[in-house]
Amino acid sequence: MAKSKSKTETSSEIDTAPTEPKHLLMTTRRQASEQYAKAAKAEKAYRTKKRAALARANYNETKTHFKEAFSHLWLALKGVFPAIKNSRYLVGE
């Protein structure tokens, strides 16, 4: 029985103790995983920055359009009220 225990202990030691190529492969995988996570994070930050810049430009353009629209509305109102007030002269012609 003592021999079987030593065989079991020896086999478990062999299973848990990584060999040199296996250890290098695990290290390489870990490094690749870390590099991938870092690259994914950087890409996400780049996309966020790019979309924020685009949103900022769209916001500024929209603000400009609204300013122009309200100025045109004001001009239209300034022109329509005198036209309504003087419409009796147009009908009388």
C-alpha atoms as a PDB file:
ATOM      1  CA  MET A   1       0.000   0.000   0.000  1.00  0.00           C
ATOM      2  CA  ALA A   2       2.841   2.355   0.701  1.00  0.00           C
ATOM      3  CA  LYS A   3       4.032   1.918  -2.849  1.00  0.00           C
ATOM      4  CA  SER A   4       0.638   2.857  -4.271  1.00  0.00           C
ATOM      5  CA  LYS A   5       0.601   6.045  -2.195  1.00  0.00           C
ATOM      6  CA  SER A   6       3.977   7.042  -3.521  1.00  0.00           C
ATOM      7  CA  LYS A   7       2.816   6.363  -7.066  1.00  0.00           C
ATOM      8  CA  THR A   8      -0.254   8.500  -6.457  1.00  0.00           C
ATOM      9  CA  GLU A   9       1.799  11.256  -4.922  1.00  0.00           C
ATOM     10  CA  THR A  10       4.287  11.073  -7.767  1.00  0.00           C
ATOM     11  CA  SER A  11       1.585  11.176 -10.422  1.00  0.00           C
ATOM     12  CA  SER A  12      -0.143  14.126  -8.744  1.00  0.00           C
ATOM     13  CA  GLU A  13       3.168  15.967  -8.575  1.00  0.00           C
ATOM     14  CA  ILE A  14       3.707  15.335 -12.263  1.00  0.00           C
ATOM     15  CA  ASP A  15       0.215  16.606 -13.116  1.00  0.00           C
ATOM     16  CA  THR A  16       0.507  19.806 -11.096  1.00  0.00           C
ATOM     17  CA  ALA A  17       4.124  20.661 -11.864  1.00  0.00           C
ATOM     18  CA  PRO A  18       4.167  22.377 -15.281  1.00  0.00           C
ATOM     19  CA  THR A  19       6.914  21.567 -17.672  1.00  0.00           C
ATOM     20  CA  GLU A  20       8.999  24.347 -19.169  1.00  0.00           C
ATOM     21  CA  PRO A  21       7.202  24.547 -22.562  1.00  0.00           C
ATOM     22  CA  LYS A  22       3.832  24.317 -20.844  1.00  0.00           C
ATOM     23  CA  HIS A  23       4.817  27.099 -18.460  1.00  0.00           C
ATOM     24  CA  LEU A  24       5.998  29.289 -21.349  1.00  0.00           C
ATOM     25  CA  LEU A  25       2.750  28.652 -23.193  1.00  0.00           C
ATOM     26  CA  MET A  26       0.717  29.661 -20.135  1.00  0.00           C
ATOM     27  CA  THR A  27       2.811  32.811 -19.742  1.00  0.00           C
ATOM     28  CA  THR A  28       2.455  33.659 -23.426  1.00  0.00           C
ATOM     29  CA  ARG A  29      -1.307  33.147 -23.266  1.00  0.00           C
ATOM     30  CA  ARG A  30      -1.562  35.346 -20.197  1.00  0.00           C
ATOM     31  CA  GLN A  31       0.501  38.077 -21.834  1.00  0.00           C
ATOM     32  CA  ALA A  32      -1.546  37.841 -25.022  1.00  0.00           C
ATOM     33  CA  SER A  33      -4.747  38.058 -23.009  1.00  0.00           C
ATOM     34  CA  GLU A  34      -3.475  41.130 -21.154  1.00  0.00           C
ATOM     35  CA  GLN A  35      -2.358  42.770 -24.408  1.00  0.00           C
ATOM     36  CA  TYR A  36      -5.734  42.043 -26.003  1.00  0.00           C
ATOM     37  CA  ALA A  37      -7.597  43.523 -23.033  1.00  0.00           C
ATOM     38  CA  LYS A  38      -5.357  46.599 -23.128  1.00  0.00           C
ATOM     39  CA  ALA A  39      -5.872  47.026 -26.886  1.00  0.00           C
ATOM     40  CA  ALA A  40      -9.637  46.578 -26.535  1.00  0.00           C
ATOM     41  CA  LYS A  41      -9.728  49.227 -23.814  1.00  0.00           C
ATOM     42  CA  ALA A  42      -7.672  51.634 -25.948  1.00  0.00           C
ATOM     43  CA  GLU A  43      -9.905  51.028 -28.965  1.00  0.00           C
ATOM     44  CA  LYS A  44     -13.021  51.669 -26.889  1.00  0.00           C
ATOM     45  CA  ALA A  45     -11.531  54.928 -25.598  1.00  0.00           C
ATOM     46  CA  TYR A  46     -10.642  55.958 -29.169  1.00  0.00           C
ATOM     47  CA  ARG A  47     -14.167  55.235 -30.414  1.00  0.00           C
ATOM     48  CA  THR A  48     -15.710  57.109 -27.490  1.00  0.00           C
ATOM     49  CA  LYS A  49     -13.494  60.134 -28.141  1.00  0.00           C
ATOM     50  CA  LYS A  50     -14.285  60.030 -31.864  1.00  0.00           C
ATOM     51  CA  ARG A  51     -18.047  59.794 -31.263  1.00  0.00           C
ATOM     52  CA  ALA A  52     -17.912  62.595 -28.690  1.00  0.00           C
ATOM     53  CA  ALA A  53     -16.171  64.859 -31.197  1.00  0.00           C
ATOM     54  CA  LEU A  54     -18.789  64.026 -33.825  1.00  0.00           C
ATOM     55  CA  ALA A  55     -21.628  64.660 -31.357  1.00  0.00           C
ATOM     56  CA  ARG A  56     -20.073  67.995 -30.358  1.00  0.00           C
ATOM     57  CA  ALA A  57     -19.847  69.063 -34.003  1.00  0.00           C
ATOM     58  CA  ASN A  58     -23.461  68.033 -34.644  1.00  0.00           C
ATOM     59  CA  TYR A  59     -24.604  69.935 -31.556  1.00  0.00           C
ATOM     60  CA  ASN A  60     -22.835  73.121 -32.652  1.00  0.00           C
ATOM     61  CA  GLU A  61     -24.253  72.822 -36.166  1.00  0.00           C
ATOM     62  CA  THR A  62     -27.770  72.284 -34.799  1.00  0.00           C
ATOM     63  CA  LYS A  63     -27.396  75.294 -32.519  1.00  0.00           C
ATOM     64  CA  THR A  64     -26.429  77.423 -35.521  1.00  0.00           C
ATOM     65  CA  HIS A  65     -29.415  76.189 -37.522  1.00  0.00           C
ATOM     66  CA  PHE A  66     -31.804  76.993 -34.670  1.00  0.00           C
ATOM     67  CA  LYS A  67     -30.368  80.510 -34.368  1.00  0.00           C
ATOM     68  CA  GLU A  68     -30.935  81.048 -38.082  1.00  0.00           C
ATOM     69  CA  ALA A  69     -34.431  79.553 -37.901  1.00  0.00           C
ATOM     70  CA  PHE A  70     -35.487  81.834 -35.040  1.00  0.00           C
ATOM     71  CA  SER A  71     -34.072  84.897 -36.769  1.00  0.00           C
ATOM     72  CA  HIS A  72     -36.017  83.972 -39.921  1.00  0.00           C
ATOM     73  CA  LEU A  73     -39.152  83.385 -37.843  1.00  0.00           C
ATOM     74  CA  TRP A  74     -38.750  86.821 -36.295  1.00  0.00           C
ATOM     75  CA  LEU A  75     -38.377  88.391 -39.754  1.00  0.00           C
ATOM     76  CA  ALA A  76     -41.466  86.517 -40.960  1.00  0.00           C
ATOM     77  CA  LEU A  77     -43.539  87.711 -38.007  1.00  0.00           C
ATOM     78  CA  LYS A  78     -42.336  91.270 -38.524  1.00  0.00           C
ATOM     79  CA  GLY A  79     -43.457  91.047 -42.148  1.00  0.00           C
ATOM     80  CA  VAL A  80     -46.764  89.219 -41.709  1.00  0.00           C
ATOM     81  CA  PHE A  81     -48.372  91.550 -39.176  1.00  0.00           C
ATOM     82  CA  PRO A  82     -48.061  94.677 -41.344  1.00  0.00           C
ATOM     83  CA  ALA A  83     -49.336  92.619 -44.291  1.00  0.00           C
ATOM     84  CA  ILE A  84     -52.409  91.555 -42.299  1.00  0.00           C
ATOM     85  CA  LYS A  85     -52.934  95.097 -41.031  1.00  0.00           C
ATOM     86  CA  ASN A  86     -52.822  96.487 -44.555  1.00  0.00           C
ATOM     87  CA  SER A  87     -54.691  93.615 -46.230  1.00  0.00           C
ATOM     88  CA  ARG A  88     -57.867  95.710 -46.551  1.00  0.00           C
ATOM     89  CA  TYR A  89     -56.017  97.939 -48.982  1.00  0.00           C
ATOM     90  CA  LEU A  90     -55.013  94.889 -51.040  1.00  0.00           C
ATOM     91  CA  VAL A  91     -58.632  93.700 -51.165  1.00  0.00           C
ATOM     92  CA  GLY A  92     -59.835  97.179 -52.058  1.00  0.00           C
ATOM     93  CA  GLU A  93     -57.599  97.381 -55.123  1.00  0.00           C
END
